[in-house]
């Protein structure tokens, strides 16, 4: 069962962090997003969180070269 209590402030702190390497951020967000995709049929909050993580992932991925 997927736990849906990923706090938005935690995501914001991860995105703003200068200590966490970019690739580690991308991997963590992708993992969370994948877990939430599996939970969309179980909990309606999962869909909203998954969209937020997808947006964050897209934003981070645009900085990778």
PDB file of N, CA and C in Angstrom:
ATOM      1  N   UNK A   1       0.851  -1.192   0.000  1.00  0.00           N
ATOM      2  CA  UNK A   1       0.000   0.000   0.000  1.00  0.00           C
ATOM      3  C   UNK A   1       0.883   1.237   0.000  1.00  0.00           C
ATOM      4  N   UNK A   2       0.549   2.187  -0.814  1.00  0.00           N
ATOM      5  CA  UNK A   2       1.316   3.418  -0.937  1.00  0.00           C
ATOM      6  C   UNK A   2       0.877   4.386   0.137  1.00  0.00           C
ATOM      7  N   UNK A   3       1.842   5.022   0.753  1.00  0.00           N
ATOM      8  CA  UNK A   3       1.556   6.012   1.774  1.00  0.00           C
ATOM      9  C   UNK A   3       1.475   7.377   1.112  1.00  0.00           C
ATOM     10  N   UNK A   4       0.371   8.088   1.292  1.00  0.00           N
ATOM     11  CA  UNK A   4       0.135   9.330   0.580  1.00  0.00           C
ATOM     12  C   UNK A   4       0.422  10.575   1.413  1.00  0.00           C
ATOM     13  N   UNK A   5       1.214  10.436   2.429  1.00  0.00           N
ATOM     14  CA  UNK A   5       1.437  11.600   3.280  1.00  0.00           C
ATOM     15  C   UNK A   5       2.754  12.317   2.964  1.00  0.00           C
ATOM     16  N   UNK A   6       3.180  12.269   1.712  1.00  0.00           N
ATOM     17  CA  UNK A   6       4.355  13.033   1.302  1.00  0.00           C
ATOM     18  C   UNK A   6       4.027  14.503   1.478  1.00  0.00           C
ATOM     19  N   UNK A   7       4.641  15.136   2.447  1.00  0.00           N
ATOM     20  CA  UNK A   7       4.300  16.539   2.676  1.00  0.00           C
ATOM     21  C   UNK A   7       4.850  17.432   1.564  1.00  0.00           C
ATOM     22  N   UNK A   8       4.010  18.342   1.120  1.00  0.00           N
ATOM     23  CA  UNK A   8       4.422  19.274   0.072  1.00  0.00           C
ATOM     24  C   UNK A   8       5.651  20.075   0.508  1.00  0.00           C
ATOM     25  N   UNK A   9       5.745  20.496   1.784  1.00  0.00           N
ATOM     26  CA  UNK A   9       6.960  21.219   2.191  1.00  0.00           C
ATOM     27  C   UNK A   9       8.233  20.387   2.008  1.00  0.00           C
ATOM     28  N   UNK A  10       8.132  19.074   2.162  1.00  0.00           N
ATOM     29  CA  UNK A  10       9.297  18.213   1.949  1.00  0.00           C
ATOM     30  C   UNK A  10       9.710  18.258   0.475  1.00  0.00           C
ATOM     31  N   UNK A  11       8.747  18.192  -0.404  1.00  0.00           N
ATOM     32  CA  UNK A  11       9.045  18.285  -1.831  1.00  0.00           C
ATOM     33  C   UNK A  11       9.670  19.643  -2.149  1.00  0.00           C
ATOM     34  N   UNK A  12       9.105  20.709  -1.604  1.00  0.00           N
ATOM     35  CA  UNK A  12       9.648  22.046  -1.837  1.00  0.00           C
ATOM     36  C   UNK A  12      11.084  22.171  -1.331  1.00  0.00           C
ATOM     37  N   UNK A  13      11.355  21.591  -0.171  1.00  0.00           N
ATOM     38  CA  UNK A  13      12.718  21.642   0.378  1.00  0.00           C
ATOM     39  C   UNK A  13      13.687  20.849  -0.484  1.00  0.00           C
ATOM     40  N   UNK A  14      13.238  19.704  -0.974  1.00  0.00           N
ATOM     41  CA  UNK A  14      14.090  18.905  -1.848  1.00  0.00           C
ATOM     42  C   UNK A  14      14.425  19.678  -3.118  1.00  0.00           C
ATOM     43  N   UNK A  15      13.413  20.300  -3.712  1.00  0.00           N
ATOM     44  CA  UNK A  15      13.633  21.051  -4.941  1.00  0.00           C
ATOM     45  C   UNK A  15      14.564  22.237  -4.725  1.00  0.00           C
ATOM     46  N   UNK A  16      14.470  22.873  -3.578  1.00  0.00           N
ATOM     47  CA  UNK A  16      15.283  24.059  -3.297  1.00  0.00           C
ATOM     48  C   UNK A  16      16.695  23.717  -2.811  1.00  0.00           C
ATOM     49  N   UNK A  17      16.906  22.491  -2.419  1.00  0.00           N
ATOM     50  CA  UNK A  17      18.190  22.091  -1.840  1.00  0.00           C
ATOM     51  C   UNK A  17      19.347  22.268  -2.817  1.00  0.00           C
ATOM     52  N   UNK A  18      20.420  22.807  -2.311  1.00  0.00           N
ATOM     53  CA  UNK A  18      21.654  22.893  -3.094  1.00  0.00           C
ATOM     54  C   UNK A  18      22.634  21.802  -2.685  1.00  0.00           C
ATOM     55  N   UNK A  19      22.269  21.051  -1.660  1.00  0.00           N
ATOM     56  CA  UNK A  19      23.122  19.974  -1.153  1.00  0.00           C
ATOM     57  C   UNK A  19      22.836  18.669  -1.894  1.00  0.00           C
ATOM     58  N   UNK A  20      21.561  18.418  -2.185  1.00  0.00           N
ATOM     59  CA  UNK A  20      21.166  17.182  -2.851  1.00  0.00           C
ATOM     60  C   UNK A  20      21.487  17.312  -4.345  1.00  0.00           C
ATOM     61  N   UNK A  21      22.261  16.376  -4.876  1.00  0.00           N
ATOM     62  CA  UNK A  21      22.596  16.424  -6.309  1.00  0.00           C
ATOM     63  C   UNK A  21      21.341  16.340  -7.181  1.00  0.00           C
ATOM     64  N   UNK A  22      21.392  16.982  -8.317  1.00  0.00           N
ATOM     65  CA  UNK A  22      20.253  17.033  -9.232  1.00  0.00           C
ATOM     66  C   UNK A  22      19.770  15.637  -9.608  1.00  0.00           C
ATOM     67  N   UNK A  23      20.675  14.744  -9.919  1.00  0.00           N
ATOM     68  CA  UNK A  23      20.281  13.390 -10.314  1.00  0.00           C
ATOM     69  C   UNK A  23      19.562  12.665  -9.182  1.00  0.00           C
ATOM     70  N   UNK A  24      19.988  12.884  -7.946  1.00  0.00           N
ATOM     71  CA  UNK A  24      19.323  12.262  -6.797  1.00  0.00           C
ATOM     72  C   UNK A  24      17.906  12.816  -6.636  1.00  0.00           C
ATOM     73  N   UNK A  25      17.734  14.111  -6.869  1.00  0.00           N
ATOM     74  CA  UNK A  25      16.398  14.705  -6.811  1.00  0.00           C
ATOM     75  C   UNK A  25      15.494  14.065  -7.854  1.00  0.00           C
ATOM     76  N   UNK A  26      15.993  13.954  -9.068  1.00  0.00           N
ATOM     77  CA  UNK A  26      15.200  13.384 -10.157  1.00  0.00           C
ATOM     78  C   UNK A  26      14.798  11.951  -9.836  1.00  0.00           C
ATOM     79  N   UNK A  27      15.733  11.164  -9.334  1.00  0.00           N
ATOM     80  CA  UNK A  27      15.439   9.766  -9.017  1.00  0.00           C
ATOM     81  C   UNK A  27      14.407   9.647  -7.897  1.00  0.00           C
ATOM     82  N   UNK A  28      14.526  10.477  -6.861  1.00  0.00           N
ATOM     83  CA  UNK A  28      13.580  10.425  -5.748  1.00  0.00           C
ATOM     84  C   UNK A  28      12.184  10.816  -6.203  1.00  0.00           C
ATOM     85  N   UNK A  29      12.087  11.884  -6.966  1.00  0.00           N
ATOM     86  CA  UNK A  29      10.790  12.347  -7.429  1.00  0.00           C
ATOM     87  C   UNK A  29      10.161  11.335  -8.386  1.00  0.00           C
ATOM     88  N   UNK A  30      10.951  10.748  -9.261  1.00  0.00           N
ATOM     89  CA  UNK A  30      10.430   9.737 -10.182  1.00  0.00           C
ATOM     90  C   UNK A  30       9.895   8.529  -9.411  1.00  0.00           C
ATOM     91  N   UNK A  31      10.602   8.125  -8.378  1.00  0.00           N
ATOM     92  CA  UNK A  31      10.163   6.993  -7.563  1.00  0.00           C
ATOM     93  C   UNK A  31       8.834   7.309  -6.866  1.00  0.00           C
ATOM     94  N   UNK A  32       8.748   8.502  -6.262  1.00  0.00           N
ATOM     95  CA  UNK A  32       7.506   8.900  -5.590  1.00  0.00           C
ATOM     96  C   UNK A  32       6.354   8.954  -6.589  1.00  0.00           C
ATOM     97  N   UNK A  33       6.627   9.529  -7.768  1.00  0.00           N
ATOM     98  CA  UNK A  33       5.590   9.651  -8.783  1.00  0.00           C
ATOM     99  C   UNK A  33       5.095   8.274  -9.211  1.00  0.00           C
ATOM    100  N   UNK A  34       6.009   7.341  -9.428  1.00  0.00           N
ATOM    101  CA  UNK A  34       5.625   5.987  -9.840  1.00  0.00           C
ATOM    102  C   UNK A  34       4.759   5.314  -8.778  1.00  0.00           C
ATOM    103  N   UNK A  35       5.109   5.496  -7.509  1.00  0.00           N
ATOM    104  CA  UNK A  35       4.318   4.911  -6.423  1.00  0.00           C
ATOM    105  C   UNK A  35       2.915   5.520  -6.395  1.00  0.00           C
ATOM    106  N   UNK A  36       2.838   6.823  -6.620  1.00  0.00           N
ATOM    107  CA  UNK A  36       1.538   7.480  -6.604  1.00  0.00           C
ATOM    108  C   UNK A  36       0.688   7.063  -7.797  1.00  0.00           C
ATOM    109  N   UNK A  37       1.303   6.822  -8.933  1.00  0.00           N
ATOM    110  CA  UNK A  37       0.556   6.379 -10.108  1.00  0.00           C
ATOM    111  C   UNK A  37      -0.163   5.073  -9.819  1.00  0.00           C
ATOM    112  N   UNK A  38       0.469   4.218  -9.035  1.00  0.00           N
ATOM    113  CA  UNK A  38      -0.139   2.942  -8.669  1.00  0.00           C
ATOM    114  C   UNK A  38      -1.318   3.142  -7.719  1.00  0.00           C
ATOM    115  N   UNK A  39      -1.307   4.228  -6.951  1.00  0.00           N
ATOM    116  CA  UNK A  39      -2.333   4.450  -5.935  1.00  0.00           C
ATOM    117  C   UNK A  39      -3.507   5.287  -6.423  1.00  0.00           C
ATOM    118  N   UNK A  40      -3.450   5.767  -7.662  1.00  0.00           N
ATOM    119  CA  UNK A  40      -4.505   6.659  -8.146  1.00  0.00           C
ATOM    120  C   UNK A  40      -5.897   6.041  -8.061  1.00  0.00           C
ATOM    121  N   UNK A  41      -5.989   4.761  -8.268  1.00  0.00           N
ATOM    122  CA  UNK A  41      -7.314   4.119  -8.220  1.00  0.00           C
ATOM    123  C   UNK A  41      -7.790   3.909  -6.782  1.00  0.00           C
ATOM    124  N   UNK A  42      -6.894   4.014  -5.830  1.00  0.00           N
ATOM    125  CA  UNK A  42      -7.234   3.769  -4.431  1.00  0.00           C
ATOM    126  C   UNK A  42      -7.594   5.064  -3.699  1.00  0.00           C
ATOM    127  N   UNK A  43      -6.856   6.132  -3.981  1.00  0.00           N
ATOM    128  CA  UNK A  43      -7.025   7.374  -3.234  1.00  0.00           C
ATOM    129  C   UNK A  43      -7.012   8.554  -4.210  1.00  0.00           C
ATOM    130  N   UNK A  44      -8.046   9.368  -4.203  1.00  0.00           N
ATOM    131  CA  UNK A  44      -8.105  10.497  -5.141  1.00  0.00           C
ATOM    132  C   UNK A  44      -6.999  11.535  -4.926  1.00  0.00           C
ATOM    133  N   UNK A  45      -6.439  11.615  -3.735  1.00  0.00           N
ATOM    134  CA  UNK A  45      -5.343  12.554  -3.480  1.00  0.00           C
ATOM    135  C   UNK A  45      -4.094  12.172  -4.262  1.00  0.00           C
ATOM    136  N   UNK A  46      -3.967  10.919  -4.593  1.00  0.00           N
ATOM    137  CA  UNK A  46      -2.776  10.442  -5.296  1.00  0.00           C
ATOM    138  C   UNK A  46      -2.635  11.094  -6.658  1.00  0.00           C
ATOM    139  N   UNK A  47      -3.729  11.310  -7.330  1.00  0.00           N
ATOM    140  CA  UNK A  47      -3.684  11.910  -8.659  1.00  0.00           C
ATOM    141  C   UNK A  47      -3.116  13.326  -8.607  1.00  0.00           C
ATOM    142  N   UNK A  48      -3.568  14.109  -7.647  1.00  0.00           N
ATOM    143  CA  UNK A  48      -3.080  15.481  -7.507  1.00  0.00           C
ATOM    144  C   UNK A  48      -1.585  15.513  -7.151  1.00  0.00           C
ATOM    145  N   UNK A  49      -1.190  14.661  -6.228  1.00  0.00           N
ATOM    146  CA  UNK A  49       0.226  14.602  -5.854  1.00  0.00           C
ATOM    147  C   UNK A  49       1.086  14.113  -7.008  1.00  0.00           C
ATOM    148  N   UNK A  50       0.576  13.141  -7.762  1.00  0.00           N
ATOM    149  CA  UNK A  50       1.334  12.616  -8.897  1.00  0.00           C
ATOM    150  C   UNK A  50       1.549  13.703  -9.948  1.00  0.00           C
ATOM    151  N   UNK A  51       0.543  14.531 -10.174  1.00  0.00           N
ATOM    152  CA  UNK A  51       0.682  15.635 -11.126  1.00  0.00           C
ATOM    153  C   UNK A  51       1.743  16.629 -10.654  1.00  0.00           C
ATOM    154  N   UNK A  52       1.740  16.930  -9.370  1.00  0.00           N
ATOM    155  CA  UNK A  52       2.727  17.868  -8.815  1.00  0.00           C
ATOM    156  C   UNK A  52       4.144  17.309  -8.974  1.00  0.00           C
ATOM    157  N   UNK A  53       4.304  16.030  -8.699  1.00  0.00           N
ATOM    158  CA  UNK A  53       5.617  15.404  -8.848  1.00  0.00           C
ATOM    159  C   UNK A  53       6.041  15.355 -10.311  1.00  0.00           C
ATOM    160  N   UNK A  54       5.108  15.119 -11.208  1.00  0.00           N
ATOM    161  CA  UNK A  54       5.444  15.106 -12.634  1.00  0.00           C
ATOM    162  C   UNK A  54       5.922  16.479 -13.090  1.00  0.00           C
ATOM    163  N   UNK A  55       5.270  17.529 -12.605  1.00  0.00           N
ATOM    164  CA  UNK A  55       5.699  18.886 -12.951  1.00  0.00           C
ATOM    165  C   UNK A  55       7.100  19.166 -12.409  1.00  0.00           C
ATOM    166  N   UNK A  56       7.358  18.745 -11.186  1.00  0.00           N
ATOM    167  CA  UNK A  56       8.681  18.951 -10.589  1.00  0.00           C
ATOM    168  C   UNK A  56       9.735  18.171 -11.361  1.00  0.00           C
ATOM    169  N   UNK A  57       9.409  16.954 -11.749  1.00  0.00           N
ATOM    170  CA  UNK A  57      10.341  16.120 -12.490  1.00  0.00           C
ATOM    171  C   UNK A  57      10.661  16.739 -13.847  1.00  0.00           C
ATOM    172  N   UNK A  58       9.660  17.235 -14.528  1.00  0.00           N
ATOM    173  CA  UNK A  58       9.861  17.888 -15.816  1.00  0.00           C
ATOM    174  C   UNK A  58      10.745  19.114 -15.661  1.00  0.00           C
ATOM    175  N   UNK A  59      10.502  19.884 -14.631  1.00  0.00           N
ATOM    176  CA  UNK A  59      11.303  21.088 -14.381  1.00  0.00           C
ATOM    177  C   UNK A  59      12.766  20.731 -14.121  1.00  0.00           C
ATOM    178  N   UNK A  60      12.995  19.732 -13.281  1.00  0.00           N
ATOM    179  CA  UNK A  60      14.370  19.319 -12.967  1.00  0.00           C
ATOM    180  C   UNK A  60      15.059  18.722 -14.188  1.00  0.00           C
ATOM    181  N   UNK A  61      14.330  17.906 -14.933  1.00  0.00           N
ATOM    182  CA  UNK A  61      14.933  17.233 -16.083  1.00  0.00           C
ATOM    183  C   UNK A  61      15.373  18.233 -17.142  1.00  0.00           C
ATOM    184  N   UNK A  62      14.742  19.393 -17.195  1.00  0.00           N
ATOM    185  CA  UNK A  62      15.134  20.397 -18.189  1.00  0.00           C
ATOM    186  C   UNK A  62      16.500  21.008 -17.872  1.00  0.00           C
ATOM    187  N   UNK A  63      17.001  20.782 -16.663  1.00  0.00           N
ATOM    188  CA  UNK A  63      18.299  21.310 -16.253  1.00  0.00           C
ATOM    189  C   UNK A  63      19.434  20.305 -16.435  1.00  0.00           C
ATOM    190  N   UNK A  64      19.103  19.099 -16.870  1.00  0.00           N
ATOM    191  CA  UNK A  64      20.118  18.046 -17.013  1.00  0.00           C
ATOM    192  C   UNK A  64      20.696  18.085 -18.425  1.00  0.00           C
ATOM    193  N   UNK A  65      21.992  18.178 -18.518  1.00  0.00           N
ATOM    194  CA  UNK A  65      22.683  18.118 -19.806  1.00  0.00           C
ATOM    195  C   UNK A  65      23.954  17.437 -19.646  1.00  0.00           C
TER     196      UNK A  65
END
